[in-house]
């Protein structure tokens, strides 16, 4: 076989390999994910003991901001509106006593909730929202993969009805299996869809120290009332 023939054969082989790679990539990108497969991704063990989560939200045109500090299953959570730098509420969770304490800094009230299991912590809402959307949904649809802030995500939609059609979109980061964005669109009287909710989640791992996870001390809140 001459050099030209060998070169021609090599070029044909390279072209065939490139076509094959393109076909495999196209199939992968278009691969459909069932609801059960998406739930399996979300519920896969992450084994995280040190995590910082920032949740930026806009709900019915009201901006919210939440930070979750978790180390060794101790949680310290702060809430505020983005229009103010002041913290409006704090939450503390002690895994040793299973006690959840909420402190309302505006109303100067303290609410203690004993025997709270870890999976029932209301501020870990992204997967809970997904589960609730599933319960209320009349339709689930996988919408493909999409980049969100440089992360490759699965995009899925739940459709439900509540005084009109409501659509919930979830974006699931394929790297750490977390929901990083949740959008809700509601159909108005004109039949058009308007965004009513947008929550974005960002996660940082293994960056917190014990000082970052504030522990509850009643002496820090003089003149506060104990609520029931």
Protein backbone atom coordinates (compact mmCIF):
# COMPACT_ATOMS: atom_id res chain seq x y z
CA UNK A 1 0.00 0.00 0.00
CA UNK A 2 1.40 3.37 -1.02
CA UNK A 3 1.85 6.30 1.34
CA UNK A 4 -1.07 8.11 -0.30
CA UNK A 5 -3.33 5.11 0.20
CA UNK A 6 -2.25 4.78 3.83
CA UNK A 7 -2.87 8.49 4.37
CA UNK A 8 -6.29 8.26 2.72
CA UNK A 9 -7.19 5.26 4.88
CA UNK A 10 -6.05 7.06 8.05
CA UNK A 11 -8.13 10.12 7.15
CA UNK A 12 -11.20 7.94 6.55
CA UNK A 13 -10.70 6.19 9.92
CA UNK A 14 -10.36 9.54 11.73
CA UNK A 15 -13.49 10.88 10.04
CA UNK A 16 -15.43 7.74 10.99
CA UNK A 17 -14.26 8.03 14.61
CA UNK A 18 -15.31 11.68 14.72
CA UNK A 19 -18.73 10.84 13.29
CA UNK A 20 -19.13 8.05 15.85
CA UNK A 21 -18.16 10.37 18.72
CA UNK A 22 -20.64 12.97 17.46
CA UNK A 23 -23.43 10.39 17.30
CA UNK A 24 -22.66 9.08 20.82
CA UNK A 25 -22.54 12.64 22.21
CA UNK A 26 -25.83 13.51 20.51
CA UNK A 27 -27.49 10.40 21.94
CA UNK A 28 -26.10 11.23 25.40
CA UNK A 29 -27.38 14.80 25.27
CA UNK A 30 -30.82 13.68 24.14
CA UNK A 31 -31.02 10.76 26.56
CA UNK A 32 -34.32 10.93 28.39
CA UNK A 33 -34.35 10.87 32.19
CA UNK A 34 -37.42 9.40 33.84
CA UNK A 35 -38.79 10.88 37.05
CA UNK A 36 -37.55 7.92 39.06
CA UNK A 37 -34.03 8.35 37.62
CA UNK A 38 -34.03 12.05 38.53
CA UNK A 39 -35.20 11.23 42.06
CA UNK A 40 -32.42 8.67 42.36
CA UNK A 41 -29.89 11.35 41.41
CA UNK A 42 -31.26 13.79 44.00
CA UNK A 43 -31.38 11.16 46.73
CA UNK A 44 -27.92 9.78 46.09
CA UNK A 45 -25.74 9.97 49.24
CA UNK A 46 -23.49 13.03 49.30
CA UNK A 47 -21.75 12.32 52.63
CA UNK A 48 -21.27 16.03 53.26
CA UNK A 49 -20.43 17.11 56.82
CA UNK A 50 -19.26 20.64 56.04
CA UNK A 51 -21.35 22.82 53.74
CA UNK A 52 -22.25 26.46 53.16
CA UNK A 53 -25.35 27.18 51.08
CA UNK A 54 -26.50 30.58 49.82
CA UNK A 55 -30.08 30.88 48.56
CA UNK A 56 -31.06 33.97 46.59
CA UNK A 57 -34.76 34.22 46.03
CA UNK A 58 -37.40 36.33 44.39
CA UNK A 59 -40.95 35.32 45.34
CA UNK A 60 -43.85 37.42 44.06
CA UNK A 61 -41.43 40.32 43.51
CA UNK A 62 -40.10 40.11 47.07
CA UNK A 63 -36.38 39.42 47.39
CA UNK A 64 -35.12 37.01 50.02
CA UNK A 65 -31.69 35.87 51.10
CA UNK A 66 -30.78 32.81 53.16
CA UNK A 67 -27.46 31.39 54.28
CA UNK A 68 -27.08 27.90 55.71
CA UNK A 69 -23.96 26.95 57.66
CA UNK A 70 -23.65 23.22 58.40
CA UNK A 71 -20.80 21.42 60.12
CA UNK A 72 -21.09 17.95 61.64
CA UNK A 73 -24.90 18.24 61.31
CA UNK A 74 -25.02 21.40 63.46
CA UNK A 75 -26.91 24.07 61.52
CA UNK A 76 -26.91 27.85 61.79
CA UNK A 77 -29.22 29.66 59.36
CA UNK A 78 -29.78 33.37 58.76
CA UNK A 79 -32.55 35.09 56.82
CA UNK A 80 -32.86 38.61 55.50
CA UNK A 81 -34.35 40.55 52.64
CA UNK A 82 -31.88 41.77 50.05
CA UNK A 83 -33.20 45.31 50.54
CA UNK A 84 -31.75 45.25 54.04
CA UNK A 85 -28.42 44.16 55.45
CA UNK A 86 -30.08 43.31 58.76
CA UNK A 87 -30.77 39.70 59.70
CA UNK A 88 -34.48 39.20 60.41
CA UNK A 89 -34.36 35.62 61.69
CA UNK A 90 -31.90 32.99 62.87
CA UNK A 91 -32.30 29.23 63.17
CA UNK A 92 -30.19 26.80 65.16
CA UNK A 93 -30.23 23.02 65.01
CA UNK A 94 -28.45 20.76 67.49
CA UNK A 95 -28.22 17.14 66.27
CA UNK A 96 -27.31 15.94 69.76
CA UNK A 97 -30.54 17.17 71.33
CA UNK A 98 -32.62 17.18 68.10
CA UNK A 99 -33.73 20.68 69.07
CA UNK A 100 -34.54 23.35 66.50
CA UNK A 101 -34.60 26.94 67.76
CA UNK A 102 -35.92 29.86 65.71
CA UNK A 103 -35.17 33.42 66.78
CA UNK A 104 -37.24 36.29 65.38
CA UNK A 105 -34.96 39.32 65.67
CA UNK A 106 -37.65 41.76 64.59
CA UNK A 107 -40.33 40.58 67.03
CA UNK A 108 -37.81 39.53 69.72
CA UNK A 109 -39.23 36.06 70.08
CA UNK A 110 -37.69 32.61 70.55
CA UNK A 111 -39.47 29.43 69.44
CA UNK A 112 -38.09 26.04 70.50
CA UNK A 113 -39.09 22.86 68.66
CA UNK A 114 -37.80 19.66 70.29
CA UNK A 115 -37.39 16.24 68.67
CA UNK A 116 -36.83 17.58 65.14
CA UNK A 117 -35.33 14.97 62.86
CA UNK A 118 -32.69 16.06 60.39
CA UNK A 119 -34.79 15.30 57.31
CA UNK A 120 -37.60 17.54 58.63
CA UNK A 121 -35.56 20.74 58.75
CA UNK A 122 -37.73 23.14 56.79
CA UNK A 123 -34.87 25.31 55.57
CA UNK A 124 -33.48 22.42 53.50
CA UNK A 125 -36.25 23.04 51.02
CA UNK A 126 -34.92 22.36 47.52
CA UNK A 127 -35.58 18.60 47.53
CA UNK A 128 -38.77 19.09 49.55
CA UNK A 129 -40.08 21.55 46.95
CA UNK A 130 -39.28 19.00 44.25
CA UNK A 131 -41.19 16.30 46.15
CA UNK A 132 -44.19 18.59 46.65
CA UNK A 133 -44.18 19.53 42.97
CA UNK A 134 -44.25 15.82 42.13
CA UNK A 135 -47.27 15.24 44.39
CA UNK A 136 -49.27 18.11 42.87
CA UNK A 137 -48.16 17.58 39.26
CA UNK A 138 -50.40 16.50 36.43
CA UNK A 139 -47.38 16.11 34.11
CA UNK A 140 -43.63 15.57 34.37
CA UNK A 141 -41.31 16.34 31.45
CA UNK A 142 -37.57 16.03 30.99
CA UNK A 143 -36.32 19.01 28.96
CA UNK A 144 -32.70 18.06 28.33
CA UNK A 145 -29.40 19.40 29.62
CA UNK A 146 -28.62 23.08 30.08
CA UNK A 147 -25.68 25.10 31.40
CA UNK A 148 -26.43 27.18 34.51
CA UNK A 149 -23.55 29.36 35.71
CA UNK A 150 -21.08 27.05 34.02
CA UNK A 151 -22.60 23.87 35.45
CA UNK A 152 -24.11 21.12 33.32
CA UNK A 153 -27.64 20.56 34.59
CA UNK A 154 -30.64 18.39 33.97
CA UNK A 155 -33.74 20.49 33.33
CA UNK A 156 -37.14 19.08 34.25
CA UNK A 157 -40.63 20.52 34.46
CA UNK A 158 -43.69 19.76 36.53
CA UNK A 159 -47.07 21.06 35.38
CA UNK A 160 -49.91 21.49 37.87
CA UNK A 161 -53.23 23.29 38.12
CA UNK A 162 -54.24 25.75 40.84
CA UNK A 163 -56.56 28.51 39.62
CA UNK A 164 -54.77 28.14 36.29
CA UNK A 165 -51.76 26.28 34.94
CA UNK A 166 -48.51 26.46 36.94
CA UNK A 167 -45.13 25.21 35.72
CA UNK A 168 -42.18 24.42 38.00
CA UNK A 169 -38.73 24.14 36.43
CA UNK A 170 -35.84 22.50 38.27
CA UNK A 171 -32.18 22.57 37.26
CA UNK A 172 -30.10 19.75 38.79
CA UNK A 173 -26.32 19.98 38.82
CA UNK A 174 -24.93 16.70 37.50
CA UNK A 175 -21.63 17.15 39.34
CA UNK A 176 -22.89 17.13 42.93
CA UNK A 177 -26.53 16.11 42.32
CA UNK A 178 -28.05 19.24 43.87
CA UNK A 179 -30.86 21.45 42.66
CA UNK A 180 -29.23 24.80 41.88
CA UNK A 181 -32.22 26.63 40.44
CA UNK A 182 -36.01 26.50 40.79
CA UNK A 183 -38.38 28.65 38.75
CA UNK A 184 -42.16 28.84 38.88
CA UNK A 185 -44.33 30.28 36.10
CA UNK A 186 -48.04 30.97 36.48
CA UNK A 187 -50.52 31.49 33.68
CA UNK A 188 -52.25 34.88 33.85
CA UNK A 189 -55.73 35.82 32.65
CA UNK A 190 -54.35 36.49 29.17
CA UNK A 191 -53.01 32.96 28.93
CA UNK A 192 -49.38 34.10 29.14
CA UNK A 193 -46.90 32.63 31.62
CA UNK A 194 -45.26 34.95 34.14
CA UNK A 195 -42.40 34.07 36.45
CA UNK A 196 -43.52 34.23 40.08
CA UNK A 197 -40.64 32.47 41.82
CA UNK A 198 -36.92 32.13 41.23
CA UNK A 199 -34.59 30.49 43.74
CA UNK A 200 -30.90 29.97 43.06
CA UNK A 201 -28.71 27.79 45.25
CA UNK A 202 -24.93 27.92 45.50
CA UNK A 203 -22.92 25.39 47.50
CA UNK A 204 -19.45 25.52 49.04
CA UNK A 205 -17.96 22.46 50.69
CA UNK A 206 -15.35 21.97 53.44
CA UNK A 207 -14.73 25.67 54.01
CA UNK A 208 -16.41 26.23 57.40
CA UNK A 209 -14.82 26.27 60.83
CA UNK A 210 -16.53 25.76 64.19
CA UNK A 211 -16.70 29.54 64.57
CA UNK A 212 -18.85 29.86 61.44
CA UNK A 213 -21.60 27.65 62.87
CA UNK A 214 -23.01 29.78 65.66
CA UNK A 215 -24.49 27.89 68.61
CA UNK A 216 -27.59 29.12 70.42
CA UNK A 217 -27.04 30.90 73.73
CA UNK A 218 -30.04 32.46 75.45
CA UNK A 219 -27.77 35.08 77.02
CA UNK A 220 -27.26 36.53 73.53
CA UNK A 221 -30.95 37.51 73.44
CA UNK A 222 -31.86 39.52 76.54
CA UNK A 223 -35.51 40.63 76.86
CA UNK A 224 -36.63 38.10 74.22
CA UNK A 225 -39.92 36.28 74.82
CA UNK A 226 -40.21 32.50 74.68
CA UNK A 227 -42.97 31.69 72.19
CA UNK A 228 -45.20 28.63 72.20
